[in-house]
Structure formats: structure tokens, C-alpha cells
């Protein structure tokens, strides 16, 4: 109980610090929503049925899924690892090790904050998308929630691996960017998966963002997520989590 209380208090403090970082709030929360509303409202083709998408509109499932994925990727590969590396650089974790508050409580608090922000950003994307662009609510809500709760930890585990192997904040920011852009490309952020060559789709299926993005789009459109994508996400979550636990250093 004491550990839970400590983590909750740390989470409250860390939340205030997070909200004081306008760049983090912008890229994780505001940018995906702004892109959804701006592009979805200004490009007529996004609001027309597309045979390549089974007659659905691009903004019905695929585009919102990409924006939700973008928010989680920004948190997992930029915000989370940068915060942990800065704390390690400044000796915060080392000083915490001499107090009753263990460094692990700070790690748990950071994970809770980023998951909470991801939930808030996702809810904002879905609600505003529905109110402004008439994007339907997730047609398979519980499947969507399950995919979200599996894919988010998988991405956060990869972020923890970046934090584990990065010696300073400059390195972790560069490494995060170097990983983010290829993963977003393979997820279909710039070239939608239905338009990708078959070989690129197959490669995408084995990446965390490709599997996560497709599973989000499937559940948003009312379909069940494909079992291979669920298996890929579970594999990335387990392997990245184990690697982060083995490699992470508090000092």
C-alpha cells in the first residue's frame, strides 16, 4: 500500500512537470488532433468512399488509427526516454536511492503518466473527430481497448530500451528520432499500407508500429484484430521489456 501511495504522489508531481513542457504536450496531444481535423476537413478525397479500403472513407478508421499511433509513438520514443535519461544525468535517480522512495517508483510513475496522456489524447482524437468530421466511434470498442492496452506498453518498452542504452539526453533524442521516422513510415504514416508493395506490407507486419497501426484501424472499423498482429505486439512487449529490465541502469 505504501508503494502504491508513493507512486501515486510521484505521478501527481510528474504530471504537473509534464504539463509545464509545451513541446511534449504539443507533439503528443495537440499535433495528432490538429492533423486529423485539418487534413480530414480540407482534403475532399479523405471523406469519399475508397474501394481500396473496402468502401470506407480514409477518415473512418485508417487515418484516426494513424493519429492515435502517432501520439503513442511520440510519448514512447521521445517523451518517456528523454525524461528518464535527464533524471539519470542529473543524479536524481542516484539521490532517490538513498531515500525510502525507490527509483522504481519514479519509473512506474512515468509509465502511468504517459499511459494516461495516451488515453487522454486518444479520447480527444476520437471525440473531436466524431463531432467535427462525423468519424464513427470505434465499432469494436472492447477489441480496440484491448489492442490499445497491448500496443501502448509494447511501444513504451521500446522507449525504455532507448533510455537504457543512451548515455545522455542528446543521444536519446537523436536515437529516438532515428527510430521514430522509419517505424512511422512502416506503419503507413506517409504511404498507407493498402498502397504499399506487398513486400513492404510483409515487413511492416513484423514491426511494432505496423502491427499496432493495422490492429487499431481494424478495430476502429469494426473488425477483429488479426492474430499475427496481436502476436507481434505481444512479442515486442515481452522482448523489449526484458531487454530494458536487463540493460537499464539507475546511475
C-alpha atoms as a PDB file:
ATOM      1  CA  UNK A   1       0.000   0.000   0.000  1.00  0.00           C
ATOM      2  CA  UNK A   2       2.847   2.395   0.836  1.00  0.00           C
ATOM      3  CA  UNK A   3       4.460   1.733  -2.531  1.00  0.00           C
ATOM      4  CA  UNK A   4       1.177   2.455  -4.327  1.00  0.00           C
ATOM      5  CA  UNK A   5       0.724   5.684  -2.377  1.00  0.00           C
ATOM      6  CA  UNK A   6       4.288   6.789  -3.134  1.00  0.00           C
ATOM      7  CA  UNK A   7       3.865   6.041  -6.818  1.00  0.00           C
ATOM      8  CA  UNK A   8       0.586   7.967  -6.901  1.00  0.00           C
ATOM      9  CA  UNK A   9       2.201  11.003  -5.258  1.00  0.00           C
ATOM     10  CA  UNK A  10       5.119  10.876  -7.656  1.00  0.00           C
ATOM     11  CA  UNK A  11       2.703  10.558 -10.559  1.00  0.00           C
ATOM     12  CA  UNK A  12       0.871  13.691  -9.428  1.00  0.00           C
ATOM     13  CA  UNK A  13       4.123  15.656  -9.216  1.00  0.00           C
ATOM     14  CA  UNK A  14       5.404  14.317 -12.532  1.00  0.00           C
ATOM     15  CA  UNK A  15       2.099  15.162 -14.208  1.00  0.00           C
ATOM     16  CA  UNK A  16       2.495  18.809 -13.220  1.00  0.00           C
ATOM     17  CA  UNK A  17       6.031  18.789 -14.607  1.00  0.00           C
ATOM     18  CA  UNK A  18       4.838  17.172 -17.834  1.00  0.00           C
ATOM     19  CA  UNK A  19       2.149  19.805 -18.345  1.00  0.00           C
ATOM     20  CA  UNK A  20       4.798  22.508 -17.988  1.00  0.00           C
ATOM     21  CA  UNK A  21       6.549  21.140 -21.086  1.00  0.00           C
ATOM     22  CA  UNK A  22       4.621  22.701 -24.004  1.00  0.00           C
ATOM     23  CA  UNK A  23       6.652  20.806 -26.613  1.00  0.00           C
ATOM     24  CA  UNK A  24       5.721  17.417 -25.144  1.00  0.00           C
ATOM     25  CA  UNK A  25       2.047  18.369 -24.860  1.00  0.00           C
ATOM     26  CA  UNK A  26       2.022  19.700 -28.429  1.00  0.00           C
ATOM     27  CA  UNK A  27       3.579  16.673 -30.126  1.00  0.00           C
ATOM     28  CA  UNK A  28       1.816  14.038 -28.036  1.00  0.00           C
ATOM     29  CA  UNK A  29      -1.666  15.552 -27.748  1.00  0.00           C
ATOM     30  CA  UNK A  30      -2.312  18.585 -29.928  1.00  0.00           C
ATOM     31  CA  UNK A  31      -0.444  17.717 -33.145  1.00  0.00           C
ATOM     32  CA  UNK A  32      -2.267  14.422 -33.883  1.00  0.00           C
ATOM     33  CA  UNK A  33      -5.665  16.029 -33.254  1.00  0.00           C
ATOM     34  CA  UNK A  34      -4.767  19.095 -35.338  1.00  0.00           C
ATOM     35  CA  UNK A  35      -3.595  16.913 -38.236  1.00  0.00           C
ATOM     36  CA  UNK A  36      -6.768  14.836 -38.091  1.00  0.00           C
ATOM     37  CA  UNK A  37      -9.066  17.861 -38.147  1.00  0.00           C
ATOM     38  CA  UNK A  38      -7.041  19.947 -40.617  1.00  0.00           C
ATOM     39  CA  UNK A  39      -6.327  17.257 -43.199  1.00  0.00           C
ATOM     40  CA  UNK A  40      -9.585  15.424 -42.720  1.00  0.00           C
ATOM     41  CA  UNK A  41     -11.539  18.627 -43.194  1.00  0.00           C
ATOM     42  CA  UNK A  42      -9.553  20.111 -46.077  1.00  0.00           C
ATOM     43  CA  UNK A  43      -8.827  17.137 -48.363  1.00  0.00           C
ATOM     44  CA  UNK A  44     -12.059  16.015 -50.077  1.00  0.00           C
ATOM     45  CA  UNK A  45     -10.623  12.637 -51.028  1.00  0.00           C
ATOM     46  CA  UNK A  46     -10.263  11.721 -47.352  1.00  0.00           C
ATOM     47  CA  UNK A  47     -14.063  11.933 -46.940  1.00  0.00           C
ATOM     48  CA  UNK A  48     -15.011   9.887 -50.009  1.00  0.00           C
ATOM     49  CA  UNK A  49     -15.501   6.089 -50.053  1.00  0.00           C
ATOM     50  CA  UNK A  50     -12.341   4.355 -51.245  1.00  0.00           C
ATOM     51  CA  UNK A  51     -12.528   0.933 -52.961  1.00  0.00           C
ATOM     52  CA  UNK A  52      -9.010   0.181 -51.694  1.00  0.00           C
ATOM     53  CA  UNK A  53     -10.384   0.470 -48.138  1.00  0.00           C
ATOM     54  CA  UNK A  54     -13.407  -1.719 -48.767  1.00  0.00           C
ATOM     55  CA  UNK A  55     -15.634   1.246 -49.477  1.00  0.00           C
ATOM     56  CA  UNK A  56     -14.783   3.074 -46.270  1.00  0.00           C
ATOM     57  CA  UNK A  57     -13.583   6.642 -46.117  1.00  0.00           C
ATOM     58  CA  UNK A  58      -9.941   7.260 -45.263  1.00  0.00           C
ATOM     59  CA  UNK A  59     -11.034   9.232 -42.185  1.00  0.00           C
ATOM     60  CA  UNK A  60     -13.305   6.462 -40.887  1.00  0.00           C
ATOM     61  CA  UNK A  61     -10.607   4.195 -39.454  1.00  0.00           C
ATOM     62  CA  UNK A  62      -7.203   4.297 -41.119  1.00  0.00           C
ATOM     63  CA  UNK A  63      -6.443   7.993 -40.583  1.00  0.00           C
ATOM     64  CA  UNK A  64      -7.671   8.155 -36.945  1.00  0.00           C
ATOM     65  CA  UNK A  65      -5.691   4.993 -36.227  1.00  0.00           C
ATOM     66  CA  UNK A  66      -2.551   6.636 -37.583  1.00  0.00           C
ATOM     67  CA  UNK A  67      -3.087   9.743 -35.467  1.00  0.00           C
ATOM     68  CA  UNK A  68      -3.606   7.671 -32.316  1.00  0.00           C
ATOM     69  CA  UNK A  69      -0.451   5.739 -33.154  1.00  0.00           C
ATOM     70  CA  UNK A  70       1.462   8.987 -33.734  1.00  0.00           C
ATOM     71  CA  UNK A  71       0.549  10.219 -30.254  1.00  0.00           C
ATOM     72  CA  UNK A  72       1.696   6.993 -28.580  1.00  0.00           C
ATOM     73  CA  UNK A  73       4.926   6.859 -30.589  1.00  0.00           C
ATOM     74  CA  UNK A  74       5.801  10.450 -29.629  1.00  0.00           C
ATOM     75  CA  UNK A  75       5.294   9.617 -25.963  1.00  0.00           C
ATOM     76  CA  UNK A  76       7.093   6.267 -26.081  1.00  0.00           C
ATOM     77  CA  UNK A  77      10.116   7.160 -28.177  1.00  0.00           C
ATOM     78  CA  UNK A  78      10.648  10.803 -27.223  1.00  0.00           C
ATOM     79  CA  UNK A  79       8.967  11.988 -24.026  1.00  0.00           C
ATOM     80  CA  UNK A  80       9.448   8.924 -21.812  1.00  0.00           C
ATOM     81  CA  UNK A  81      13.088   8.045 -22.593  1.00  0.00           C
ATOM     82  CA  UNK A  82      14.181  11.696 -22.566  1.00  0.00           C
ATOM     83  CA  UNK A  83      12.713  12.270 -19.105  1.00  0.00           C
ATOM     84  CA  UNK A  84      14.401   9.188 -17.659  1.00  0.00           C
ATOM     85  CA  UNK A  85      17.795   9.948 -19.192  1.00  0.00           C
ATOM     86  CA  UNK A  86      17.656  13.545 -17.920  1.00  0.00           C
ATOM     87  CA  UNK A  87      16.868  12.281 -14.417  1.00  0.00           C
ATOM     88  CA  UNK A  88      19.815   9.886 -14.614  1.00  0.00           C
ATOM     89  CA  UNK A  89      22.123  12.627 -15.964  1.00  0.00           C
ATOM     90  CA  UNK A  90      21.200  14.992 -13.147  1.00  0.00           C
ATOM     91  CA  UNK A  91      21.675  12.356 -10.469  1.00  0.00           C
ATOM     92  CA  UNK A  92      18.013  12.367  -9.450  1.00  0.00           C
ATOM     93  CA  UNK A  93      17.794   8.584  -9.523  1.00  0.00           C
ATOM     94  CA  UNK A  94      21.035   8.210  -7.586  1.00  0.00           C
ATOM     95  CA  UNK A  95      19.815  10.563  -4.861  1.00  0.00           C
ATOM     96  CA  UNK A  96      16.477   8.766  -4.694  1.00  0.00           C
ATOM     97  CA  UNK A  97      18.301   5.502  -3.998  1.00  0.00           C
ATOM     98  CA  UNK A  98      19.392   6.952  -0.631  1.00  0.00           C
ATOM     99  CA  UNK A  99      15.791   7.712   0.423  1.00  0.00           C
ATOM    100  CA  UNK A 100      12.829   5.459   1.249  1.00  0.00           C
ATOM    101  CA  UNK A 101      11.481   6.301  -2.232  1.00  0.00           C
ATOM    102  CA  UNK A 102      12.944   3.780  -4.631  1.00  0.00           C
ATOM    103  CA  UNK A 103      13.862   4.754  -8.212  1.00  0.00           C
ATOM    104  CA  UNK A 104      11.470   2.089  -9.439  1.00  0.00           C
ATOM    105  CA  UNK A 105       8.585   4.169  -8.087  1.00  0.00           C
ATOM    106  CA  UNK A 106       9.611   7.028 -10.368  1.00  0.00           C
ATOM    107  CA  UNK A 107       9.747   4.650 -13.318  1.00  0.00           C
ATOM    108  CA  UNK A 108       6.249   3.385 -12.504  1.00  0.00           C
ATOM    109  CA  UNK A 109       5.002   6.960 -12.164  1.00  0.00           C
ATOM    110  CA  UNK A 110       6.453   7.893 -15.553  1.00  0.00           C
ATOM    111  CA  UNK A 111       4.793   4.905 -17.193  1.00  0.00           C
ATOM    112  CA  UNK A 112       1.441   5.779 -15.582  1.00  0.00           C
ATOM    113  CA  UNK A 113       1.676   9.397 -16.704  1.00  0.00           C
ATOM    114  CA  UNK A 114       2.496   8.541 -20.291  1.00  0.00           C
ATOM    115  CA  UNK A 115      -0.234   5.919 -20.451  1.00  0.00           C
ATOM    116  CA  UNK A 116      -2.699   8.449 -19.011  1.00  0.00           C
ATOM    117  CA  UNK A 117      -1.677  11.054 -21.572  1.00  0.00           C
ATOM    118  CA  UNK A 118      -2.046   8.464 -24.349  1.00  0.00           C
ATOM    119  CA  UNK A 119      -5.569   7.663 -23.147  1.00  0.00           C
ATOM    120  CA  UNK A 120      -6.475  11.371 -22.991  1.00  0.00           C
ATOM    121  CA  UNK A 121      -5.020  12.066 -26.451  1.00  0.00           C
ATOM    122  CA  UNK A 122      -6.865   9.066 -27.905  1.00  0.00           C
ATOM    123  CA  UNK A 123     -10.166  10.127 -26.354  1.00  0.00           C
ATOM    124  CA  UNK A 124      -9.693  13.680 -27.639  1.00  0.00           C
ATOM    125  CA  UNK A 125      -8.916  12.400 -31.137  1.00  0.00           C
ATOM    126  CA  UNK A 126     -11.998  10.184 -31.235  1.00  0.00           C
ATOM    127  CA  UNK A 127     -14.399  12.701 -29.701  1.00  0.00           C
ATOM    128  CA  UNK A 128     -13.353  15.687 -31.810  1.00  0.00           C
ATOM    129  CA  UNK A 129     -13.120  13.519 -34.908  1.00  0.00           C
ATOM    130  CA  UNK A 130     -16.712  12.420 -34.349  1.00  0.00           C
ATOM    131  CA  UNK A 131     -18.037  15.908 -33.562  1.00  0.00           C
ATOM    132  CA  UNK A 132     -16.208  17.761 -36.336  1.00  0.00           C
ATOM    133  CA  UNK A 133     -15.783  15.182 -39.109  1.00  0.00           C
ATOM    134  CA  UNK A 134     -18.516  12.666 -38.240  1.00  0.00           C
ATOM    135  CA  UNK A 135     -15.937   9.923 -37.783  1.00  0.00           C
ATOM    136  CA  UNK A 136     -17.758   6.930 -36.267  1.00  0.00           C
ATOM    137  CA  UNK A 137     -16.897   5.721 -32.789  1.00  0.00           C
ATOM    138  CA  UNK A 138     -14.853   2.503 -32.608  1.00  0.00           C
ATOM    139  CA  UNK A 139     -17.190  -0.162 -33.937  1.00  0.00           C
ATOM    140  CA  UNK A 140     -15.402  -2.887 -31.969  1.00  0.00           C
ATOM    141  CA  UNK A 141     -14.779  -0.888 -28.801  1.00  0.00           C
ATOM    142  CA  UNK A 142     -13.556  -3.639 -26.478  1.00  0.00           C
ATOM    143  CA  UNK A 143     -11.261  -5.071 -29.146  1.00  0.00           C
ATOM    144  CA  UNK A 144      -9.972  -1.526 -29.740  1.00  0.00           C
ATOM    145  CA  UNK A 145      -9.350  -1.081 -25.996  1.00  0.00           C
ATOM    146  CA  UNK A 146      -7.525  -4.410 -25.829  1.00  0.00           C
ATOM    147  CA  UNK A 147      -5.290  -3.515 -28.780  1.00  0.00           C
ATOM    148  CA  UNK A 148      -4.573  -0.120 -27.205  1.00  0.00           C
ATOM    149  CA  UNK A 149      -3.623  -1.690 -23.865  1.00  0.00           C
ATOM    150  CA  UNK A 150      -1.318  -4.200 -25.570  1.00  0.00           C
ATOM    151  CA  UNK A 151       0.285  -1.909 -28.129  1.00  0.00           C
ATOM    152  CA  UNK A 152       0.970   1.019 -25.802  1.00  0.00           C
ATOM    153  CA  UNK A 153       3.120  -0.994 -23.339  1.00  0.00           C
ATOM    154  CA  UNK A 154       4.951  -2.538 -26.301  1.00  0.00           C
ATOM    155  CA  UNK A 155       5.896   0.934 -27.536  1.00  0.00           C
ATOM    156  CA  UNK A 156       6.772   2.132 -24.017  1.00  0.00           C
ATOM    157  CA  UNK A 157       9.035  -0.899 -23.544  1.00  0.00           C
ATOM    158  CA  UNK A 158      10.944   0.102 -26.674  1.00  0.00           C
ATOM    159  CA  UNK A 159      11.263   3.610 -25.236  1.00  0.00           C
ATOM    160  CA  UNK A 160      12.695   2.140 -22.028  1.00  0.00           C
ATOM    161  CA  UNK A 161      15.281   0.291 -24.119  1.00  0.00           C
ATOM    162  CA  UNK A 162      16.316   3.617 -25.665  1.00  0.00           C
ATOM    163  CA  UNK A 163      16.631   5.120 -22.196  1.00  0.00           C
ATOM    164  CA  UNK A 164      18.647   2.121 -21.044  1.00  0.00           C
ATOM    165  CA  UNK A 165      21.335   2.372 -23.714  1.00  0.00           C
ATOM    166  CA  UNK A 166      21.545   6.177 -24.141  1.00  0.00           C
ATOM    167  CA  UNK A 167      24.322   7.849 -22.124  1.00  0.00           C
ATOM    168  CA  UNK A 168      22.892  11.376 -22.263  1.00  0.00           C
ATOM    169  CA  UNK A 169      19.909  13.438 -23.393  1.00  0.00           C
ATOM    170  CA  UNK A 170      21.422  14.397 -26.761  1.00  0.00           C
ATOM    171  CA  UNK A 171      21.965  10.773 -27.681  1.00  0.00           C
ATOM    172  CA  UNK A 172      18.488   9.669 -26.600  1.00  0.00           C
ATOM    173  CA  UNK A 173      16.845  12.447 -28.611  1.00  0.00           C
ATOM    174  CA  UNK A 174      18.823  11.548 -31.719  1.00  0.00           C
ATOM    175  CA  UNK A 175      18.217   7.834 -31.245  1.00  0.00           C
ATOM    176  CA  UNK A 176      14.521   8.435 -30.685  1.00  0.00           C
ATOM    177  CA  UNK A 177      14.219  10.401 -33.914  1.00  0.00           C
ATOM    178  CA  UNK A 178      16.258   7.813 -35.822  1.00  0.00           C
ATOM    179  CA  UNK A 179      13.894   5.054 -34.683  1.00  0.00           C
ATOM    180  CA  UNK A 180      10.652   7.037 -34.913  1.00  0.00           C
ATOM    181  CA  UNK A 181      10.659   8.010 -38.577  1.00  0.00           C
ATOM    182  CA  UNK A 182      11.316   4.539 -40.059  1.00  0.00           C
ATOM    183  CA  UNK A 183       8.742   2.999 -37.727  1.00  0.00           C
ATOM    184  CA  UNK A 184       6.128   5.596 -38.669  1.00  0.00           C
ATOM    185  CA  UNK A 185       6.858   5.039 -42.359  1.00  0.00           C
ATOM    186  CA  UNK A 186       6.437   1.281 -41.988  1.00  0.00           C
ATOM    187  CA  UNK A 187       3.183   1.887 -40.114  1.00  0.00           C
ATOM    188  CA  UNK A 188       1.783   3.674 -43.167  1.00  0.00           C
ATOM    189  CA  UNK A 189       2.000   7.250 -41.929  1.00  0.00           C
ATOM    190  CA  UNK A 190       3.111   8.632 -45.306  1.00  0.00           C
ATOM    191  CA  UNK A 191       2.236   5.745 -47.627  1.00  0.00           C
ATOM    192  CA  UNK A 192      -0.915   3.941 -46.424  1.00  0.00           C
ATOM    193  CA  UNK A 193      -0.482   0.205 -46.041  1.00  0.00           C
ATOM    194  CA  UNK A 194      -3.158  -0.591 -48.680  1.00  0.00           C
ATOM    195  CA  UNK A 195      -0.975   1.237 -51.211  1.00  0.00           C
ATOM    196  CA  UNK A 196       2.319  -0.343 -50.142  1.00  0.00           C
ATOM    197  CA  UNK A 197       4.045  -3.006 -52.261  1.00  0.00           C
ATOM    198  CA  UNK A 198       3.362  -6.488 -50.929  1.00  0.00           C
ATOM    199  CA  UNK A 199       6.922  -6.982 -49.688  1.00  0.00           C
ATOM    200  CA  UNK A 200       6.760  -3.734 -47.699  1.00  0.00           C
ATOM    201  CA  UNK A 201       3.460  -4.786 -46.120  1.00  0.00           C
ATOM    202  CA  UNK A 202       5.039  -8.046 -45.020  1.00  0.00           C
ATOM    203  CA  UNK A 203       7.961  -6.187 -43.435  1.00  0.00           C
ATOM    204  CA  UNK A 204       5.523  -3.777 -41.790  1.00  0.00           C
ATOM    205  CA  UNK A 205       3.565  -6.688 -40.267  1.00  0.00           C
ATOM    206  CA  UNK A 206       6.575  -7.611 -38.135  1.00  0.00           C
ATOM    207  CA  UNK A 207       7.247  -4.090 -36.827  1.00  0.00           C
ATOM    208  CA  UNK A 208       5.550  -2.860 -33.641  1.00  0.00           C
ATOM    209  CA  UNK A 209       4.095   0.194 -35.346  1.00  0.00           C
ATOM    210  CA  UNK A 210       2.917  -1.707 -38.426  1.00  0.00           C
ATOM    211  CA  UNK A 211       1.121  -4.337 -36.340  1.00  0.00           C
ATOM    212  CA  UNK A 212      -0.201  -1.741 -33.883  1.00  0.00           C
ATOM    213  CA  UNK A 213      -1.439   0.681 -36.532  1.00  0.00           C
ATOM    214  CA  UNK A 214      -3.216  -2.020 -38.536  1.00  0.00           C
ATOM    215  CA  UNK A 215      -4.801  -3.512 -35.419  1.00  0.00           C
ATOM    216  CA  UNK A 216      -6.076  -0.064 -34.394  1.00  0.00           C
ATOM    217  CA  UNK A 217      -7.525   0.523 -37.875  1.00  0.00           C
ATOM    218  CA  UNK A 218      -9.149  -2.924 -37.905  1.00  0.00           C
ATOM    219  CA  UNK A 219     -10.901  -2.426 -34.571  1.00  0.00           C
ATOM    220  CA  UNK A 220     -11.933   1.137 -35.387  1.00  0.00           C
ATOM    221  CA  UNK A 221     -13.697  -0.218 -38.487  1.00  0.00           C
ATOM    222  CA  UNK A 222     -15.432  -2.970 -36.520  1.00  0.00           C
ATOM    223  CA  UNK A 223     -13.185  -5.885 -37.458  1.00  0.00           C
ATOM    224  CA  UNK A 224     -11.320  -8.195 -35.120  1.00  0.00           C
ATOM    225  CA  UNK A 225      -7.570  -7.604 -34.991  1.00  0.00           C
ATOM    226  CA  UNK A 226      -5.562 -10.126 -36.935  1.00  0.00           C
ATOM    227  CA  UNK A 227      -3.941 -12.765 -34.659  1.00  0.00           C
ATOM    228  CA  UNK A 228      -0.460 -12.316 -36.232  1.00  0.00           C
ATOM    229  CA  UNK A 229      -0.532  -8.618 -35.353  1.00  0.00           C
ATOM    230  CA  UNK A 230      -1.507  -9.412 -31.753  1.00  0.00           C
ATOM    231  CA  UNK A 231       1.311 -11.954 -31.555  1.00  0.00           C
ATOM    232  CA  UNK A 232       3.819  -9.426 -32.940  1.00  0.00           C
ATOM    233  CA  UNK A 233       2.760  -6.796 -30.388  1.00  0.00           C
ATOM    234  CA  UNK A 234       2.966  -9.294 -27.522  1.00  0.00           C
ATOM    235  CA  UNK A 235       6.407 -10.390 -28.686  1.00  0.00           C
ATOM    236  CA  UNK A 236       7.710  -6.834 -28.872  1.00  0.00           C
ATOM    237  CA  UNK A 237       6.262  -6.054 -25.431  1.00  0.00           C
ATOM    238  CA  UNK A 238       7.880  -9.075 -23.787  1.00  0.00           C
ATOM    239  CA  UNK A 239      11.267  -8.923 -25.523  1.00  0.00           C
ATOM    240  CA  UNK A 240      11.651  -5.146 -25.188  1.00  0.00           C
ATOM    241  CA  UNK A 241      10.532  -5.253 -21.573  1.00  0.00           C
ATOM    242  CA  UNK A 242      13.054  -7.963 -20.724  1.00  0.00           C
ATOM    243  CA  UNK A 243      15.825  -6.112 -22.562  1.00  0.00           C
ATOM    244  CA  UNK A 244      15.012  -2.848 -20.781  1.00  0.00           C
ATOM    245  CA  UNK A 245      14.975  -4.564 -17.383  1.00  0.00           C
ATOM    246  CA  UNK A 246      18.352  -6.151 -18.074  1.00  0.00           C
ATOM    247  CA  UNK A 247      20.049  -3.077 -19.527  1.00  0.00           C
ATOM    248  CA  UNK A 248      18.552  -0.223 -17.530  1.00  0.00           C
ATOM    249  CA  UNK A 249      20.856   1.491 -15.049  1.00  0.00           C
ATOM    250  CA  UNK A 250      19.803   3.998 -12.450  1.00  0.00           C
ATOM    251  CA  UNK A 251      23.187   5.749 -12.356  1.00  0.00           C
END
